[in-house]
């Protein structure tokens, strides 16, 4: 469908962009079939119906509300995540290039077995 005016075309493009974003944002919804038991369905956010057809027996299963899948992280991982988030907002500023550190070179182990004059 072509729009003659640029304002309507821009509005249409904005609507298409928001639709594409919603299509990318998927959520997992849990349903309970009275015959087969629980199953999960991935749908767009906010589009889950109260009843959904069971993939095994095709009966209407009711939606089950459960807690979201949250995971507990260790204090170390949480601190690193917080540090990363802070670096995004306010990165550290340096005033000079750090000094170059030299790594000591070790001789190859096979050189010690060579005959010496």
PDB file of N, CA and C in Angstrom:
ATOM      1  N   UNK A   1       0.842  -1.171   0.000  1.00  0.00           N
ATOM      2  CA  UNK A   1       0.000   0.000   0.000  1.00  0.00           C
ATOM      3  C   UNK A   1       0.890   1.237   0.000  1.00  0.00           C
ATOM      4  N   UNK A   2       0.760   2.068  -1.007  1.00  0.00           N
ATOM      5  CA  UNK A   2       1.598   3.258  -1.129  1.00  0.00           C
ATOM      6  C   UNK A   2       0.855   4.469  -0.594  1.00  0.00           C
ATOM      7  N   UNK A   3       1.570   5.319   0.096  1.00  0.00           N
ATOM      8  CA  UNK A   3       0.998   6.551   0.641  1.00  0.00           C
ATOM      9  C   UNK A   3       1.497   7.727  -0.178  1.00  0.00           C
ATOM     10  N   UNK A   4       0.595   8.645  -0.475  1.00  0.00           N
ATOM     11  CA  UNK A   4       0.946   9.799  -1.302  1.00  0.00           C
ATOM     12  C   UNK A   4       1.711  10.842  -0.503  1.00  0.00           C
ATOM     13  N   UNK A   5       1.348  11.031   0.740  1.00  0.00           N
ATOM     14  CA  UNK A   5       2.006  12.056   1.553  1.00  0.00           C
ATOM     15  C   UNK A   5       3.123  11.437   2.378  1.00  0.00           C
ATOM     16  N   UNK A   6       4.174  12.218   2.555  1.00  0.00           N
ATOM     17  CA  UNK A   6       5.326  11.702   3.299  1.00  0.00           C
ATOM     18  C   UNK A   6       4.999  11.510   4.777  1.00  0.00           C
ATOM     19  N   UNK A   7       4.114  12.305   5.354  1.00  0.00           N
ATOM     20  CA  UNK A   7       3.764  12.183   6.763  1.00  0.00           C
ATOM     21  C   UNK A   7       3.104  10.854   7.062  1.00  0.00           C
ATOM     22  N   UNK A   8       2.180  10.455   6.202  1.00  0.00           N
ATOM     23  CA  UNK A   8       1.509   9.170   6.403  1.00  0.00           C
ATOM     24  C   UNK A   8       2.476   8.026   6.169  1.00  0.00           C
ATOM     25  N   UNK A   9       3.398   8.190   5.196  1.00  0.00           N
ATOM     26  CA  UNK A   9       4.376   7.134   4.921  1.00  0.00           C
ATOM     27  C   UNK A   9       5.296   6.956   6.121  1.00  0.00           C
ATOM     28  N   UNK A  10       5.701   8.077   6.734  1.00  0.00           N
ATOM     29  CA  UNK A  10       6.577   7.994   7.894  1.00  0.00           C
ATOM     30  C   UNK A  10       5.848   7.318   9.054  1.00  0.00           C
ATOM     31  N   UNK A  11       4.556   7.648   9.244  1.00  0.00           N
ATOM     32  CA  UNK A  11       3.777   7.021  10.296  1.00  0.00           C
ATOM     33  C   UNK A  11       3.651   5.531  10.045  1.00  0.00           C
ATOM     34  N   UNK A  12       3.432   5.164   8.797  1.00  0.00           N
ATOM     35  CA  UNK A  12       3.314   3.759   8.434  1.00  0.00           C
ATOM     36  C   UNK A  12       4.632   3.033   8.694  1.00  0.00           C
ATOM     37  N   UNK A  13       5.755   3.673   8.368  1.00  0.00           N
ATOM     38  CA  UNK A  13       7.062   3.053   8.600  1.00  0.00           C
ATOM     39  C   UNK A  13       7.322   2.894  10.093  1.00  0.00           C
ATOM     40  N   UNK A  14       6.917   3.867  10.890  1.00  0.00           N
ATOM     41  CA  UNK A  14       7.071   3.767  12.334  1.00  0.00           C
ATOM     42  C   UNK A  14       6.253   2.627  12.904  1.00  0.00           C
ATOM     43  N   UNK A  15       5.034   2.447  12.374  1.00  0.00           N
ATOM     44  CA  UNK A  15       4.192   1.340  12.810  1.00  0.00           C
ATOM     45  C   UNK A  15       4.831   0.010  12.449  1.00  0.00           C
ATOM     46  N   UNK A  16       5.399  -0.079  11.237  1.00  0.00           N
ATOM     47  CA  UNK A  16       6.060  -1.313  10.819  1.00  0.00           C
ATOM     48  C   UNK A  16       7.257  -1.618  11.715  1.00  0.00           C
ATOM     49  N   UNK A  17       8.024  -0.586  12.075  1.00  0.00           N
ATOM     50  CA  UNK A  17       9.189  -0.788  12.937  1.00  0.00           C
ATOM     51  C   UNK A  17       8.759  -1.304  14.306  1.00  0.00           C
ATOM     52  N   UNK A  18       7.692  -0.734  14.884  1.00  0.00           N
ATOM     53  CA  UNK A  18       7.242  -1.195  16.196  1.00  0.00           C
ATOM     54  C   UNK A  18       6.698  -2.617  16.116  1.00  0.00           C
ATOM     55  N   UNK A  19       6.064  -2.966  14.999  1.00  0.00           N
ATOM     56  CA  UNK A  19       5.574  -4.327  14.818  1.00  0.00           C
ATOM     57  C   UNK A  19       6.736  -5.306  14.731  1.00  0.00           C
ATOM     58  N   UNK A  20       7.792  -4.920  14.022  1.00  0.00           N
ATOM     59  CA  UNK A  20       8.970  -5.778  13.901  1.00  0.00           C
ATOM     60  C   UNK A  20       9.635  -5.980  15.264  1.00  0.00           C
ATOM     61  N   UNK A  21       9.710  -4.934  16.064  1.00  0.00           N
ATOM     62  CA  UNK A  21      10.314  -5.043  17.391  1.00  0.00           C
ATOM     63  C   UNK A  21       9.495  -5.984  18.259  1.00  0.00           C
ATOM     64  N   UNK A  22       8.160  -5.849  18.218  1.00  0.00           N
ATOM     65  CA  UNK A  22       7.307  -6.738  19.006  1.00  0.00           C
ATOM     66  C   UNK A  22       7.458  -8.179  18.562  1.00  0.00           C
ATOM     67  N   UNK A  23       7.658  -8.391  17.264  1.00  0.00           N
ATOM     68  CA  UNK A  23       7.811  -9.742  16.752  1.00  0.00           C
ATOM     69  C   UNK A  23       9.110 -10.364  17.276  1.00  0.00           C
ATOM     70  N   UNK A  24      10.136  -9.533  17.485  1.00  0.00           N
ATOM     71  CA  UNK A  24      11.406 -10.035  17.990  1.00  0.00           C
ATOM     72  C   UNK A  24      11.345 -10.334  19.486  1.00  0.00           C
ATOM     73  N   UNK A  25      10.484  -9.632  20.223  1.00  0.00           N
ATOM     74  CA  UNK A  25      10.383  -9.815  21.665  1.00  0.00           C
ATOM     75  C   UNK A  25       9.418 -10.958  21.960  1.00  0.00           C
ATOM     76  N   UNK A  26       9.969 -12.118  22.222  1.00  0.00           N
ATOM     77  CA  UNK A  26       9.154 -13.297  22.472  1.00  0.00           C
ATOM     78  C   UNK A  26       9.225 -13.637  23.957  1.00  0.00           C
ATOM     79  N   UNK A  27       8.131 -14.191  24.452  1.00  0.00           N
ATOM     80  CA  UNK A  27       8.075 -14.627  25.844  1.00  0.00           C
ATOM     81  C   UNK A  27       7.626 -16.078  25.872  1.00  0.00           C
ATOM     82  N   UNK A  28       7.987 -16.782  26.919  1.00  0.00           N
ATOM     83  CA  UNK A  28       7.564 -18.168  27.082  1.00  0.00           C
ATOM     84  C   UNK A  28       6.377 -18.198  28.025  1.00  0.00           C
ATOM     85  N   UNK A  29       5.271 -18.740  27.548  1.00  0.00           N
ATOM     86  CA  UNK A  29       4.051 -18.849  28.345  1.00  0.00           C
ATOM     87  C   UNK A  29       3.816 -20.319  28.663  1.00  0.00           C
ATOM     88  N   UNK A  30       3.314 -20.579  29.865  1.00  0.00           N
ATOM     89  CA  UNK A  30       3.080 -21.949  30.319  1.00  0.00           C
ATOM     90  C   UNK A  30       1.585 -22.237  30.290  1.00  0.00           C
ATOM     91  N   UNK A  31       1.234 -23.394  29.747  1.00  0.00           N
ATOM     92  CA  UNK A  31      -0.150 -23.843  29.680  1.00  0.00           C
ATOM     93  C   UNK A  31      -0.247 -25.222  30.308  1.00  0.00           C
ATOM     94  N   UNK A  32      -1.457 -25.576  30.813  1.00  0.00           N
ATOM     95  CA  UNK A  32      -1.683 -26.858  31.453  1.00  0.00           C
ATOM     96  C   UNK A  32      -2.855 -27.551  30.779  1.00  0.00           C
ATOM     97  N   UNK A  33      -2.560 -28.679  30.155  1.00  0.00           N
ATOM     98  CA  UNK A  33      -3.595 -29.493  29.518  1.00  0.00           C
ATOM     99  C   UNK A  33      -4.109 -30.486  30.558  1.00  0.00           C
ATOM    100  N   UNK A  34      -5.418 -30.663  30.647  1.00  0.00           N
ATOM    101  CA  UNK A  34      -5.987 -31.572  31.644  1.00  0.00           C
ATOM    102  C   UNK A  34      -5.656 -33.025  31.334  1.00  0.00           C
ATOM    103  N   UNK A  35      -5.344 -33.336  30.084  1.00  0.00           N
ATOM    104  CA  UNK A  35      -5.016 -34.723  29.713  1.00  0.00           C
ATOM    105  C   UNK A  35      -3.504 -34.984  29.683  1.00  0.00           C
ATOM    106  N   UNK A  36      -2.752 -34.066  29.097  1.00  0.00           N
ATOM    107  CA  UNK A  36      -1.328 -34.323  28.821  1.00  0.00           C
ATOM    108  C   UNK A  36      -0.369 -33.673  29.813  1.00  0.00           C
ATOM    109  N   UNK A  37      -0.804 -32.671  30.540  1.00  0.00           N
ATOM    110  CA  UNK A  37       0.068 -32.004  31.495  1.00  0.00           C
ATOM    111  C   UNK A  37       0.569 -30.661  30.986  1.00  0.00           C
ATOM    112  N   UNK A  38       1.597 -30.110  31.632  1.00  0.00           N
ATOM    113  CA  UNK A  38       2.071 -28.763  31.275  1.00  0.00           C
ATOM    114  C   UNK A  38       2.925 -28.769  30.006  1.00  0.00           C
ATOM    115  N   UNK A  39       2.884 -27.632  29.297  1.00  0.00           N
ATOM    116  CA  UNK A  39       3.751 -27.399  28.141  1.00  0.00           C
ATOM    117  C   UNK A  39       3.978 -25.903  27.996  1.00  0.00           C
ATOM    118  N   UNK A  40       5.051 -25.543  27.319  1.00  0.00           N
ATOM    119  CA  UNK A  40       5.418 -24.142  27.121  1.00  0.00           C
ATOM    120  C   UNK A  40       5.204 -23.746  25.673  1.00  0.00           C
ATOM    121  N   UNK A  41       4.868 -22.456  25.472  1.00  0.00           N
ATOM    122  CA  UNK A  41       4.664 -21.905  24.135  1.00  0.00           C
ATOM    123  C   UNK A  41       5.381 -20.565  24.067  1.00  0.00           C
ATOM    124  N   UNK A  42       6.132 -20.331  22.997  1.00  0.00           N
ATOM    125  CA  UNK A  42       6.782 -19.027  22.784  1.00  0.00           C
ATOM    126  C   UNK A  42       5.885 -18.190  21.892  1.00  0.00           C
ATOM    127  N   UNK A  43       5.462 -17.032  22.414  1.00  0.00           N
ATOM    128  CA  UNK A  43       4.591 -16.110  21.681  1.00  0.00           C
ATOM    129  C   UNK A  43       5.119 -14.693  21.852  1.00  0.00           C
ATOM    130  N   UNK A  44       4.620 -13.782  21.011  1.00  0.00           N
ATOM    131  CA  UNK A  44       4.975 -12.376  21.159  1.00  0.00           C
ATOM    132  C   UNK A  44       4.486 -11.883  22.520  1.00  0.00           C
ATOM    133  N   UNK A  45       5.211 -10.949  23.065  1.00  0.00           N
ATOM    134  CA  UNK A  45       4.852 -10.414  24.374  1.00  0.00           C
ATOM    135  C   UNK A  45       3.475  -9.762  24.303  1.00  0.00           C
ATOM    136  N   UNK A  46       2.615 -10.145  25.240  1.00  0.00           N
ATOM    137  CA  UNK A  46       1.289  -9.562  25.338  1.00  0.00           C
ATOM    138  C   UNK A  46       0.255 -10.188  24.423  1.00  0.00           C
ATOM    139  N   UNK A  47       0.560 -11.268  23.739  1.00  0.00           N
ATOM    140  CA  UNK A  47      -0.409 -11.868  22.814  1.00  0.00           C
ATOM    141  C   UNK A  47      -0.876 -13.243  23.269  1.00  0.00           C
ATOM    142  N   UNK A  48      -0.571 -13.661  24.488  1.00  0.00           N
ATOM    143  CA  UNK A  48      -0.935 -14.997  24.950  1.00  0.00           C
ATOM    144  C   UNK A  48      -2.423 -15.064  25.277  1.00  0.00           C
ATOM    145  N   UNK A  49      -3.154 -16.005  24.662  1.00  0.00           N
ATOM    146  CA  UNK A  49      -4.568 -16.161  24.986  1.00  0.00           C
ATOM    147  C   UNK A  49      -4.749 -16.951  26.287  1.00  0.00           C
ATOM    148  N   UNK A  50      -5.958 -16.917  26.846  1.00  0.00           N
ATOM    149  CA  UNK A  50      -6.238 -17.658  28.076  1.00  0.00           C
ATOM    150  C   UNK A  50      -6.224 -19.156  27.824  1.00  0.00           C
ATOM    151  N   UNK A  51      -6.613 -19.563  26.625  1.00  0.00           N
ATOM    152  CA  UNK A  51      -6.602 -20.975  26.264  1.00  0.00           C
ATOM    153  C   UNK A  51      -5.776 -21.181  25.006  1.00  0.00           C
ATOM    154  N   UNK A  52      -5.095 -22.331  24.935  1.00  0.00           N
ATOM    155  CA  UNK A  52      -4.233 -22.619  23.781  1.00  0.00           C
ATOM    156  C   UNK A  52      -4.340 -24.105  23.482  1.00  0.00           C
ATOM    157  N   UNK A  53      -4.304 -24.463  22.225  1.00  0.00           N
ATOM    158  CA  UNK A  53      -4.434 -25.859  21.833  1.00  0.00           C
ATOM    159  C   UNK A  53      -3.217 -26.678  22.224  1.00  0.00           C
ATOM    160  N   UNK A  54      -3.460 -27.827  22.863  1.00  0.00           N
ATOM    161  CA  UNK A  54      -2.380 -28.715  23.279  1.00  0.00           C
ATOM    162  C   UNK A  54      -1.701 -29.296  22.038  1.00  0.00           C
ATOM    163  N   UNK A  55      -0.359 -29.321  21.986  1.00  0.00           N
ATOM    164  CA  UNK A  55       0.328 -29.851  20.811  1.00  0.00           C
ATOM    165  C   UNK A  55       0.199 -31.372  20.674  1.00  0.00           C
ATOM    166  N   UNK A  56      -0.204 -32.073  21.748  1.00  0.00           N
ATOM    167  CA  UNK A  56      -0.314 -33.534  21.692  1.00  0.00           C
ATOM    168  C   UNK A  56      -1.733 -33.966  21.345  1.00  0.00           C
ATOM    169  N   UNK A  57      -2.710 -33.489  22.128  1.00  0.00           N
ATOM    170  CA  UNK A  57      -4.088 -33.968  21.946  1.00  0.00           C
ATOM    171  C   UNK A  57      -5.017 -32.917  21.336  1.00  0.00           C
ATOM    172  N   UNK A  58      -4.563 -31.712  21.109  1.00  0.00           N
ATOM    173  CA  UNK A  58      -5.326 -30.609  20.508  1.00  0.00           C
ATOM    174  C   UNK A  58      -6.483 -30.115  21.375  1.00  0.00           C
ATOM    175  N   UNK A  59      -6.543 -30.518  22.637  1.00  0.00           N
ATOM    176  CA  UNK A  59      -7.563 -29.991  23.547  1.00  0.00           C
ATOM    177  C   UNK A  59      -7.149 -28.588  23.989  1.00  0.00           C
ATOM    178  N   UNK A  60      -8.119 -27.808  24.427  1.00  0.00           N
ATOM    179  CA  UNK A  60      -7.822 -26.456  24.897  1.00  0.00           C
ATOM    180  C   UNK A  60      -7.213 -26.537  26.293  1.00  0.00           C
ATOM    181  N   UNK A  61      -6.008 -25.992  26.413  1.00  0.00           N
ATOM    182  CA  UNK A  61      -5.303 -25.968  27.699  1.00  0.00           C
ATOM    183  C   UNK A  61      -5.397 -24.561  28.273  1.00  0.00           C
ATOM    184  N   UNK A  62      -5.479 -24.465  29.592  1.00  0.00           N
ATOM    185  CA  UNK A  62      -5.585 -23.152  30.236  1.00  0.00           C
ATOM    186  C   UNK A  62      -4.204 -22.620  30.562  1.00  0.00           C
ATOM    187  N   UNK A  63      -4.105 -21.303  30.551  1.00  0.00           N
ATOM    188  CA  UNK A  63      -2.836 -20.659  30.842  1.00  0.00           C
ATOM    189  C   UNK A  63      -2.556 -20.726  32.335  1.00  0.00           C
ATOM    190  N   UNK A  64      -1.304 -21.010  32.685  1.00  0.00           N
ATOM    191  CA  UNK A  64      -0.865 -21.094  34.076  1.00  0.00           C
ATOM    192  C   UNK A  64       0.079 -19.928  34.325  1.00  0.00           C
ATOM    193  N   UNK A  65      -0.172 -19.213  35.399  1.00  0.00           N
ATOM    194  CA  UNK A  65       0.700 -18.097  35.765  1.00  0.00           C
ATOM    195  C   UNK A  65       1.716 -18.590  36.774  1.00  0.00           C
ATOM    196  N   UNK A  66       2.981 -18.431  36.445  1.00  0.00           N
ATOM    197  CA  UNK A  66       4.050 -18.879  37.331  1.00  0.00           C
ATOM    198  C   UNK A  66       5.068 -17.765  37.497  1.00  0.00           C
ATOM    199  N   UNK A  67       5.990 -17.994  38.412  1.00  0.00           N
ATOM    200  CA  UNK A  67       7.012 -16.978  38.647  1.00  0.00           C
ATOM    201  C   UNK A  67       7.974 -16.933  37.468  1.00  0.00           C
ATOM    202  N   UNK A  68       8.562 -15.777  37.182  1.00  0.00           N
ATOM    203  CA  UNK A  68       9.502 -15.682  36.074  1.00  0.00           C
ATOM    204  C   UNK A  68      10.782 -16.448  36.383  1.00  0.00           C
ATOM    205  N   UNK A  69      11.464 -16.848  35.337  1.00  0.00           N
ATOM    206  CA  UNK A  69      12.709 -17.585  35.514  1.00  0.00           C
ATOM    207  C   UNK A  69      13.842 -16.649  35.895  1.00  0.00           C
ATOM    208  N   UNK A  70      14.093 -16.525  37.174  1.00  0.00           N
ATOM    209  CA  UNK A  70      15.170 -15.675  37.666  1.00  0.00           C
ATOM    210  C   UNK A  70      16.301 -16.565  38.160  1.00  0.00           C
ATOM    211  N   UNK A  71      17.500 -16.128  37.931  1.00  0.00           N
ATOM    212  CA  UNK A  71      18.637 -16.900  38.424  1.00  0.00           C
ATOM    213  C   UNK A  71      19.429 -16.039  39.399  1.00  0.00           C
ATOM    214  N   UNK A  72      19.942 -16.683  40.413  1.00  0.00           N
ATOM    215  CA  UNK A  72      20.755 -15.983  41.395  1.00  0.00           C
ATOM    216  C   UNK A  72      22.212 -16.047  40.949  1.00  0.00           C
ATOM    217  N   UNK A  73      22.880 -14.928  40.990  1.00  0.00           N
ATOM    218  CA  UNK A  73      24.277 -14.888  40.583  1.00  0.00           C
ATOM    219  C   UNK A  73      25.155 -14.703  41.806  1.00  0.00           C
ATOM    220  N   UNK A  74      26.402 -15.073  41.660  1.00  0.00           N
ATOM    221  CA  UNK A  74      27.339 -14.912  42.775  1.00  0.00           C
ATOM    222  C   UNK A  74      27.666 -13.427  42.958  1.00  0.00           C
ATOM    223  N   UNK A  75      28.229 -13.095  44.098  1.00  0.00           N
ATOM    224  CA  UNK A  75      28.583 -11.701  44.373  1.00  0.00           C
ATOM    225  C   UNK A  75      29.643 -11.208  43.408  1.00  0.00           C
ATOM    226  N   UNK A  76      30.552 -12.086  43.010  1.00  0.00           N
ATOM    227  CA  UNK A  76      31.619 -11.700  42.090  1.00  0.00           C
ATOM    228  C   UNK A  76      31.048 -11.342  40.723  1.00  0.00           C
ATOM    229  N   UNK A  77      30.158 -12.181  40.215  1.00  0.00           N
ATOM    230  CA  UNK A  77      29.554 -11.932  38.905  1.00  0.00           C
ATOM    231  C   UNK A  77      28.685 -10.675  38.965  1.00  0.00           C
ATOM    232  N   UNK A  78      27.948 -10.495  40.055  1.00  0.00           N
ATOM    233  CA  UNK A  78      27.109  -9.309  40.200  1.00  0.00           C
ATOM    234  C   UNK A  78      27.954  -8.040  40.238  1.00  0.00           C
ATOM    235  N   UNK A  79      29.100  -8.095  40.932  1.00  0.00           N
ATOM    236  CA  UNK A  79      29.988  -6.930  41.000  1.00  0.00           C
ATOM    237  C   UNK A  79      30.583  -6.614  39.629  1.00  0.00           C
ATOM    238  N   UNK A  80      30.985  -7.647  38.892  1.00  0.00           N
ATOM    239  CA  UNK A  80      31.508  -7.421  37.544  1.00  0.00           C
ATOM    240  C   UNK A  80      30.447  -6.848  36.624  1.00  0.00           C
ATOM    241  N   UNK A  81      29.224  -7.330  36.756  1.00  0.00           N
ATOM    242  CA  UNK A  81      28.125  -6.805  35.940  1.00  0.00           C
ATOM    243  C   UNK A  81      27.855  -5.340  36.270  1.00  0.00           C
ATOM    244  N   UNK A  82      27.860  -5.002  37.558  1.00  0.00           N
ATOM    245  CA  UNK A  82      27.643  -3.613  37.961  1.00  0.00           C
ATOM    246  C   UNK A  82      28.774  -2.718  37.457  1.00  0.00           C
ATOM    247  N   UNK A  83      30.000  -3.225  37.509  1.00  0.00           N
ATOM    248  CA  UNK A  83      31.148  -2.455  37.012  1.00  0.00           C
ATOM    249  C   UNK A  83      31.024  -2.218  35.506  1.00  0.00           C
ATOM    250  N   UNK A  84      30.569  -3.226  34.779  1.00  0.00           N
ATOM    251  CA  UNK A  84      30.380  -3.078  33.333  1.00  0.00           C
ATOM    252  C   UNK A  84      29.290  -2.057  33.023  1.00  0.00           C
ATOM    253  N   UNK A  85      28.190  -2.121  33.761  1.00  0.00           N
ATOM    254  CA  UNK A  85      27.106  -1.156  33.561  1.00  0.00           C
ATOM    255  C   UNK A  85      27.577   0.266  33.838  1.00  0.00           C
ATOM    256  N   UNK A  86      28.379   0.448  34.898  1.00  0.00           N
ATOM    257  CA  UNK A  86      28.883   1.777  35.230  1.00  0.00           C
ATOM    258  C   UNK A  86      29.836   2.267  34.148  1.00  0.00           C
ATOM    259  N   UNK A  87      30.655   1.380  33.594  1.00  0.00           N
ATOM    260  CA  UNK A  87      31.604   1.766  32.550  1.00  0.00           C
ATOM    261  C   UNK A  87      30.877   2.203  31.275  1.00  0.00           C
ATOM    262  N   UNK A  88      29.687   1.674  31.046  1.00  0.00           N
ATOM    263  CA  UNK A  88      28.909   2.107  29.878  1.00  0.00           C
ATOM    264  C   UNK A  88      28.472   3.557  30.017  1.00  0.00           C
ATOM    265  N   UNK A  89      28.025   3.912  31.216  1.00  0.00           N
ATOM    266  CA  UNK A  89      27.504   5.259  31.447  1.00  0.00           C
ATOM    267  C   UNK A  89      28.621   6.280  31.639  1.00  0.00           C
ATOM    268  N   UNK A  90      29.654   5.918  32.376  1.00  0.00           N
ATOM    269  CA  UNK A  90      30.757   6.836  32.665  1.00  0.00           C
ATOM    270  C   UNK A  90      32.075   6.085  32.545  1.00  0.00           C
ATOM    271  N   UNK A  91      32.620   5.974  31.335  1.00  0.00           N
ATOM    272  CA  UNK A  91      33.870   5.225  31.178  1.00  0.00           C
ATOM    273  C   UNK A  91      35.025   5.935  31.869  1.00  0.00           C
ATOM    274  N   UNK A  92      35.987   5.140  32.281  1.00  0.00           N
ATOM    275  CA  UNK A  92      37.165   5.685  32.941  1.00  0.00           C
ATOM    276  C   UNK A  92      37.994   6.481  31.933  1.00  0.00           C
ATOM    277  N   UNK A  93      38.484   7.653  32.348  1.00  0.00           N
ATOM    278  CA  UNK A  93      39.273   8.503  31.472  1.00  0.00           C
ATOM    279  C   UNK A  93      40.722   8.435  31.936  1.00  0.00           C
ATOM    280  N   UNK A  94      41.625   8.217  30.992  1.00  0.00           N
ATOM    281  CA  UNK A  94      43.048   8.169  31.323  1.00  0.00           C
ATOM    282  C   UNK A  94      43.722   9.415  30.791  1.00  0.00           C
ATOM    283  N   UNK A  95      44.769   9.869  31.504  1.00  0.00           N
ATOM    284  CA  UNK A  95      45.464  11.085  31.089  1.00  0.00           C
ATOM    285  C   UNK A  95      46.700  10.788  30.254  1.00  0.00           C
ATOM    286  N   UNK A  96      47.198   9.549  30.333  1.00  0.00           N
ATOM    287  CA  UNK A  96      48.383   9.186  29.545  1.00  0.00           C
ATOM    288  C   UNK A  96      48.347   7.693  29.232  1.00  0.00           C
ATOM    289  N   UNK A  97      49.146   7.323  28.288  1.00  0.00           N
ATOM    290  CA  UNK A  97      49.232   5.921  27.906  1.00  0.00           C
ATOM    291  C   UNK A  97      49.979   5.175  29.006  1.00  0.00           C
ATOM    292  N   UNK A  98      49.478   4.029  29.448  1.00  0.00           N
ATOM    293  CA  UNK A  98      50.174   3.301  30.510  1.00  0.00           C
ATOM    294  C   UNK A  98      51.547   2.834  30.043  1.00  0.00           C
ATOM    295  N   UNK A  99      52.507   2.722  30.968  1.00  0.00           N
ATOM    296  CA  UNK A  99      53.860   2.302  30.576  1.00  0.00           C
ATOM    297  C   UNK A  99      53.845   0.859  30.084  1.00  0.00           C
ATOM    298  N   UNK A 100      54.734   0.600  29.140  1.00  0.00           N
ATOM    299  CA  UNK A 100      54.821  -0.740  28.572  1.00  0.00           C
ATOM    300  C   UNK A 100      55.617  -1.625  29.522  1.00  0.00           C
ATOM    301  N   UNK A 101      55.049  -2.744  29.840  1.00  0.00           N
ATOM    302  CA  UNK A 101      55.751  -3.689  30.707  1.00  0.00           C
ATOM    303  C   UNK A 101      56.372  -4.773  29.836  1.00  0.00           C
ATOM    304  N   UNK A 102      57.607  -5.078  30.146  1.00  0.00           N
ATOM    305  CA  UNK A 102      58.315  -6.107  29.382  1.00  0.00           C
ATOM    306  C   UNK A 102      58.155  -7.449  30.093  1.00  0.00           C
ATOM    307  N   UNK A 103      57.855  -8.441  29.294  1.00  0.00           N
ATOM    308  CA  UNK A 103      57.750  -9.786  29.819  1.00  0.00           C
ATOM    309  C   UNK A 103      59.120 -10.429  29.706  1.00  0.00           C
ATOM    310  N   UNK A 104      59.662 -10.959  30.811  1.00  0.00           N
ATOM    311  CA  UNK A 104      60.994 -11.573  30.717  1.00  0.00           C
ATOM    312  C   UNK A 104      60.961 -12.789  29.795  1.00  0.00           C
ATOM    313  N   UNK A 105      61.940 -12.851  28.904  1.00  0.00           N
ATOM    314  CA  UNK A 105      62.024 -13.962  27.967  1.00  0.00           C
ATOM    315  C   UNK A 105      62.812 -15.091  28.602  1.00  0.00           C
ATOM    316  N   UNK A 106      62.258 -16.242  28.575  1.00  0.00           N
ATOM    317  CA  UNK A 106      62.926 -17.429  29.096  1.00  0.00           C
ATOM    318  C   UNK A 106      63.531 -18.190  27.924  1.00  0.00           C
ATOM    319  N   UNK A 107      64.697 -18.775  28.128  1.00  0.00           N
ATOM    320  CA  UNK A 107      65.269 -19.558  27.039  1.00  0.00           C
ATOM    321  C   UNK A 107      64.463 -20.836  26.807  1.00  0.00           C
ATOM    322  N   UNK A 108      64.491 -21.299  25.598  1.00  0.00           N
ATOM    323  CA  UNK A 108      63.767 -22.523  25.255  1.00  0.00           C
ATOM    324  C   UNK A 108      64.374 -23.688  26.044  1.00  0.00           C
ATOM    325  N   UNK A 109      63.555 -24.607  26.572  1.00  0.00           N
ATOM    326  CA  UNK A 109      64.086 -25.711  27.381  1.00  0.00           C
ATOM    327  C   UNK A 109      65.045 -26.619  26.612  1.00  0.00           C
ATOM    328  N   UNK A 110      64.904 -26.724  25.330  1.00  0.00           N
ATOM    329  CA  UNK A 110      65.787 -27.605  24.553  1.00  0.00           C
ATOM    330  C   UNK A 110      67.204 -27.033  24.464  1.00  0.00           C
ATOM    331  N   UNK A 111      67.374 -25.736  24.657  1.00  0.00           N
ATOM    332  CA  UNK A 111      68.700 -25.133  24.576  1.00  0.00           C
ATOM    333  C   UNK A 111      69.617 -25.601  25.695  1.00  0.00           C
ATOM    334  N   UNK A 112      69.075 -25.986  26.819  1.00  0.00           N
ATOM    335  CA  UNK A 112      69.919 -26.434  27.933  1.00  0.00           C
ATOM    336  C   UNK A 112      70.557 -27.793  27.647  1.00  0.00           C
ATOM    337  N   UNK A 113      70.013 -28.568  26.736  1.00  0.00           N
ATOM    338  CA  UNK A 113      70.573 -29.887  26.420  1.00  0.00           C
ATOM    339  C   UNK A 113      71.608 -29.841  25.300  1.00  0.00           C
ATOM    340  N   UNK A 114      71.816 -28.690  24.708  1.00  0.00           N
ATOM    341  CA  UNK A 114      72.806 -28.570  23.645  1.00  0.00           C
ATOM    342  C   UNK A 114      74.220 -28.615  24.233  1.00  0.00           C
ATOM    343  N   UNK A 115      75.183 -29.169  23.490  1.00  0.00           N
ATOM    344  CA  UNK A 115      76.565 -29.197  24.009  1.00  0.00           C
ATOM    345  C   UNK A 115      77.152 -27.793  24.065  1.00  0.00           C
ATOM    346  N   UNK A 116      77.904 -27.509  25.103  1.00  0.00           N
ATOM    347  CA  UNK A 116      78.537 -26.221  25.291  1.00  0.00           C
ATOM    348  C   UNK A 116      80.016 -26.321  24.941  1.00  0.00           C
ATOM    349  N   UNK A 117      80.609 -25.288  24.301  1.00  0.00           N
ATOM    350  CA  UNK A 117      82.040 -25.340  23.953  1.00  0.00           C
ATOM    351  C   UNK A 117      82.939 -25.133  25.154  1.00  0.00           C
TER     352      UNK A 117
END
